Amino acid sequence: MAMRDTISNKLQEAFTPESLQVVDESHLHEGHAGHRPGGETHYRVYIVSNAFQGKSRVDRHRMINAALAAELSGSVHALAIQAKAPGEG
């Protein structure tokens, strides 16, 4: 299974989001730290979930990082996160 799918599945299970997009941006980081041939190292996540209601930006990032702890301690080098609650602009 591709890492993008693994990340999507874990976030879907953990947060039951209204919307979720996981973008592999590894190709943008060729020659930079953490990049490996074949990619699957740098990702951007856009997620909207009720689980983030009333949570600070830092708390939302911590929640996502905890859900993806295995991936972040393994092959994923970087994860950019945009996490919102429904109705937030």
N, C-alpha and C. Protein backbone atom coordinates (compact mmCIF):
# COMPACT_ATOMS: atom_id res chain seq x y z
N MET A 1 0.84 -1.18 0.00
CA MET A 1 0.00 0.00 0.00
C MET A 1 0.89 1.25 0.00
N ALA A 2 0.53 2.23 -0.78
CA ALA A 2 1.29 3.48 -0.85
C ALA A 2 1.15 4.23 0.47
N MET A 3 2.19 4.97 0.83
CA MET A 3 2.18 5.72 2.08
C MET A 3 1.03 6.72 2.11
N ARG A 4 0.72 7.33 0.98
CA ARG A 4 -0.40 8.27 0.92
C ARG A 4 -1.70 7.60 1.37
N ASP A 5 -1.91 6.37 0.93
CA ASP A 5 -3.10 5.62 1.31
C ASP A 5 -3.08 5.25 2.79
N THR A 6 -1.92 4.88 3.30
CA THR A 6 -1.79 4.56 4.71
C THR A 6 -2.14 5.77 5.56
N ILE A 7 -1.60 6.94 5.20
CA ILE A 7 -1.89 8.17 5.94
C ILE A 7 -3.38 8.49 5.87
N SER A 8 -3.96 8.39 4.69
CA SER A 8 -5.40 8.67 4.52
C SER A 8 -6.24 7.73 5.37
N ASN A 9 -5.94 6.46 5.34
CA ASN A 9 -6.70 5.48 6.11
C ASN A 9 -6.62 5.74 7.61
N LYS A 10 -5.42 6.03 8.10
CA LYS A 10 -5.26 6.27 9.53
C LYS A 10 -5.99 7.53 9.98
N LEU A 11 -5.91 8.59 9.17
CA LEU A 11 -6.61 9.83 9.53
C LEU A 11 -8.12 9.66 9.43
N GLN A 12 -8.58 8.90 8.44
CA GLN A 12 -10.01 8.63 8.31
C GLN A 12 -10.51 7.89 9.54
N GLU A 13 -9.77 6.90 9.97
CA GLU A 13 -10.16 6.09 11.13
C GLU A 13 -10.12 6.90 12.42
N ALA A 14 -9.11 7.73 12.58
CA ALA A 14 -8.92 8.47 13.83
C ALA A 14 -9.87 9.66 13.98
N PHE A 15 -10.22 10.33 12.86
CA PHE A 15 -10.93 11.60 12.96
C PHE A 15 -12.26 11.66 12.21
N THR A 16 -12.63 10.64 11.46
CA THR A 16 -13.86 10.63 10.67
C THR A 16 -14.10 12.01 10.05
N PRO A 17 -13.20 12.46 9.21
CA PRO A 17 -13.28 13.82 8.69
C PRO A 17 -14.42 14.04 7.69
N GLU A 18 -14.88 15.30 7.64
CA GLU A 18 -15.83 15.70 6.61
C GLU A 18 -15.11 15.79 5.27
N SER A 19 -13.87 16.22 5.31
CA SER A 19 -13.06 16.23 4.10
C SER A 19 -11.61 15.93 4.48
N LEU A 20 -10.93 15.29 3.55
CA LEU A 20 -9.54 14.89 3.76
C LEU A 20 -8.84 14.84 2.42
N GLN A 21 -7.68 15.48 2.37
CA GLN A 21 -6.84 15.40 1.17
C GLN A 21 -5.40 15.22 1.64
N VAL A 22 -4.74 14.22 1.12
CA VAL A 22 -3.33 13.95 1.42
C VAL A 22 -2.57 14.07 0.11
N VAL A 23 -1.60 14.99 0.09
CA VAL A 23 -0.85 15.27 -1.12
C VAL A 23 0.61 14.88 -0.91
N ASP A 24 1.14 14.06 -1.81
CA ASP A 24 2.55 13.69 -1.78
C ASP A 24 3.35 14.79 -2.47
N GLU A 25 4.12 15.54 -1.69
CA GLU A 25 4.93 16.63 -2.24
C GLU A 25 6.42 16.27 -2.29
N SER A 26 6.72 15.00 -2.25
CA SER A 26 8.11 14.55 -2.22
C SER A 26 8.92 15.06 -3.41
N HIS A 27 8.28 15.13 -4.56
CA HIS A 27 9.00 15.58 -5.77
C HIS A 27 9.49 17.02 -5.64
N LEU A 28 8.88 17.80 -4.76
CA LEU A 28 9.29 19.19 -4.55
C LEU A 28 10.54 19.31 -3.68
N HIS A 29 10.96 18.20 -3.08
CA HIS A 29 12.06 18.23 -2.12
C HIS A 29 13.28 17.43 -2.56
N GLU A 30 13.37 17.14 -3.84
CA GLU A 30 14.54 16.42 -4.34
C GLU A 30 15.80 17.21 -4.02
N GLY A 31 16.78 16.52 -3.47
CA GLY A 31 18.04 17.16 -3.09
C GLY A 31 18.02 17.75 -1.69
N HIS A 32 16.90 17.73 -1.02
CA HIS A 32 16.79 18.28 0.34
C HIS A 32 16.86 17.16 1.38
N ALA A 33 16.98 17.55 2.61
CA ALA A 33 17.06 16.59 3.71
C ALA A 33 15.82 15.69 3.73
N GLY A 34 16.05 14.43 3.96
CA GLY A 34 14.97 13.48 4.10
C GLY A 34 14.43 12.91 2.81
N HIS A 35 14.77 13.49 1.68
CA HIS A 35 14.28 12.96 0.41
C HIS A 35 15.01 11.67 0.07
N ARG A 36 14.25 10.72 -0.44
CA ARG A 36 14.83 9.45 -0.87
C ARG A 36 14.35 9.14 -2.29
N PRO A 37 15.13 8.41 -3.04
CA PRO A 37 14.66 7.99 -4.37
C PRO A 37 13.33 7.24 -4.22
N GLY A 38 12.41 7.53 -5.08
CA GLY A 38 11.09 6.89 -4.98
C GLY A 38 10.09 7.73 -4.21
N GLY A 39 10.56 8.78 -3.52
CA GLY A 39 9.66 9.70 -2.83
C GLY A 39 9.00 9.11 -1.60
N GLU A 40 7.73 9.46 -1.43
CA GLU A 40 6.94 9.07 -0.27
C GLU A 40 7.58 9.53 1.04
N THR A 41 8.10 10.76 1.05
CA THR A 41 8.77 11.28 2.24
C THR A 41 8.17 12.58 2.77
N HIS A 42 7.56 13.37 1.89
CA HIS A 42 7.04 14.69 2.26
C HIS A 42 5.56 14.77 1.87
N TYR A 43 4.70 15.10 2.84
CA TYR A 43 3.27 15.13 2.59
C TYR A 43 2.64 16.41 3.13
N ARG A 44 1.52 16.78 2.53
CA ARG A 44 0.69 17.89 3.00
C ARG A 44 -0.71 17.33 3.22
N VAL A 45 -1.27 17.62 4.40
CA VAL A 45 -2.60 17.13 4.77
C VAL A 45 -3.55 18.30 4.96
N TYR A 46 -4.70 18.21 4.30
CA TYR A 46 -5.82 19.13 4.51
C TYR A 46 -6.94 18.30 5.10
N ILE A 47 -7.40 18.65 6.31
CA ILE A 47 -8.42 17.85 6.98
C ILE A 47 -9.40 18.75 7.71
N VAL A 48 -10.68 18.40 7.61
CA VAL A 48 -11.75 19.09 8.34
C VAL A 48 -12.49 18.03 9.14
N SER A 49 -12.53 18.21 10.47
CA SER A 49 -13.16 17.21 11.33
C SER A 49 -13.73 17.86 12.58
N ASN A 50 -14.85 17.31 13.04
CA ASN A 50 -15.43 17.76 14.31
C ASN A 50 -14.49 17.52 15.48
N ALA A 51 -13.56 16.59 15.32
CA ALA A 51 -12.61 16.29 16.40
C ALA A 51 -11.75 17.49 16.76
N PHE A 52 -11.65 18.46 15.86
CA PHE A 52 -10.81 19.63 16.09
C PHE A 52 -11.56 20.82 16.70
N GLN A 53 -12.87 20.66 16.90
CA GLN A 53 -13.68 21.72 17.46
C GLN A 53 -13.15 22.12 18.84
N GLY A 54 -12.88 23.42 19.01
CA GLY A 54 -12.41 23.93 20.30
C GLY A 54 -10.95 23.66 20.61
N LYS A 55 -10.24 23.06 19.68
CA LYS A 55 -8.82 22.74 19.89
C LYS A 55 -7.94 23.81 19.25
N SER A 56 -6.82 24.07 19.87
CA SER A 56 -5.86 25.02 19.30
C SER A 56 -5.15 24.39 18.10
N ARG A 57 -4.50 25.22 17.33
CA ARG A 57 -3.73 24.72 16.18
C ARG A 57 -2.68 23.71 16.62
N VAL A 58 -2.00 24.02 17.72
CA VAL A 58 -0.96 23.12 18.23
C VAL A 58 -1.57 21.79 18.65
N ASP A 59 -2.71 21.83 19.34
CA ASP A 59 -3.36 20.59 19.77
C ASP A 59 -3.80 19.75 18.57
N ARG A 60 -4.30 20.39 17.53
CA ARG A 60 -4.71 19.67 16.32
C ARG A 60 -3.53 18.97 15.68
N HIS A 61 -2.40 19.66 15.60
CA HIS A 61 -1.20 19.06 15.03
C HIS A 61 -0.72 17.90 15.89
N ARG A 62 -0.78 18.07 17.18
CA ARG A 62 -0.37 16.97 18.08
C ARG A 62 -1.25 15.75 17.89
N MET A 63 -2.55 15.96 17.72
CA MET A 63 -3.48 14.85 17.50
C MET A 63 -3.14 14.09 16.23
N ILE A 64 -2.88 14.82 15.17
CA ILE A 64 -2.53 14.19 13.89
C ILE A 64 -1.17 13.50 13.99
N ASN A 65 -0.20 14.16 14.60
CA ASN A 65 1.12 13.54 14.77
C ASN A 65 1.03 12.25 15.58
N ALA A 66 0.17 12.23 16.59
CA ALA A 66 0.00 11.01 17.40
C ALA A 66 -0.62 9.89 16.56
N ALA A 67 -1.60 10.23 15.73
CA ALA A 67 -2.25 9.22 14.88
C ALA A 67 -1.28 8.64 13.85
N LEU A 68 -0.28 9.43 13.46
CA LEU A 68 0.68 9.01 12.44
C LEU A 68 2.08 8.78 13.02
N ALA A 69 2.16 8.49 14.30
CA ALA A 69 3.46 8.35 14.98
C ALA A 69 4.36 7.33 14.30
N ALA A 70 3.82 6.20 13.92
CA ALA A 70 4.65 5.15 13.30
C ALA A 70 5.24 5.63 11.98
N GLU A 71 4.44 6.32 11.18
CA GLU A 71 4.90 6.80 9.88
C GLU A 71 5.93 7.92 10.05
N LEU A 72 5.70 8.80 11.01
CA LEU A 72 6.62 9.92 11.24
C LEU A 72 7.95 9.47 11.84
N SER A 73 7.93 8.34 12.53
CA SER A 73 9.19 7.83 13.07
C SER A 73 9.88 6.90 12.07
N GLY A 74 9.23 6.67 10.95
CA GLY A 74 9.78 5.79 9.92
C GLY A 74 10.11 6.54 8.66
N SER A 75 9.37 6.27 7.60
CA SER A 75 9.74 6.76 6.28
C SER A 75 9.26 8.18 5.95
N VAL A 76 8.31 8.72 6.71
CA VAL A 76 7.82 10.07 6.43
C VAL A 76 8.73 11.08 7.10
N HIS A 77 9.33 11.94 6.30
CA HIS A 77 10.27 12.94 6.82
C HIS A 77 9.57 14.23 7.24
N ALA A 78 8.55 14.64 6.49
CA ALA A 78 7.89 15.91 6.78
C ALA A 78 6.40 15.81 6.50
N LEU A 79 5.62 16.50 7.35
CA LEU A 79 4.17 16.52 7.22
C LEU A 79 3.69 17.94 7.48
N ALA A 80 3.15 18.57 6.44
CA ALA A 80 2.55 19.90 6.58
C ALA A 80 1.06 19.69 6.82
N ILE A 81 0.51 20.39 7.80
CA ILE A 81 -0.87 20.12 8.23
C ILE A 81 -1.71 21.39 8.18
N GLN A 82 -2.88 21.27 7.58
CA GLN A 82 -3.91 22.28 7.69
C GLN A 82 -5.14 21.56 8.24
N ALA A 83 -5.41 21.74 9.53
CA ALA A 83 -6.50 21.06 10.20
C ALA A 83 -7.52 22.08 10.70
N LYS A 84 -8.77 21.86 10.33
CA LYS A 84 -9.84 22.77 10.71
C LYS A 84 -11.04 22.02 11.22
N ALA A 85 -11.86 22.73 12.00
CA ALA A 85 -13.16 22.22 12.38
C ALA A 85 -14.17 22.69 11.33
N PRO A 86 -15.29 22.00 11.19
CA PRO A 86 -16.30 22.43 10.22
C PRO A 86 -16.72 23.89 10.47
N GLY A 87 -16.87 24.62 9.38
CA GLY A 87 -17.29 26.01 9.48
C GLY A 87 -16.17 27.01 9.64
N GLU A 88 -14.96 26.55 9.86
CA GLU A 88 -13.82 27.46 9.96
C GLU A 88 -13.35 27.81 8.56
N GLY A 89 -12.97 29.07 8.37
CA GLY A 89 -12.55 29.54 7.05
C GLY A 89 -11.18 29.22 6.65
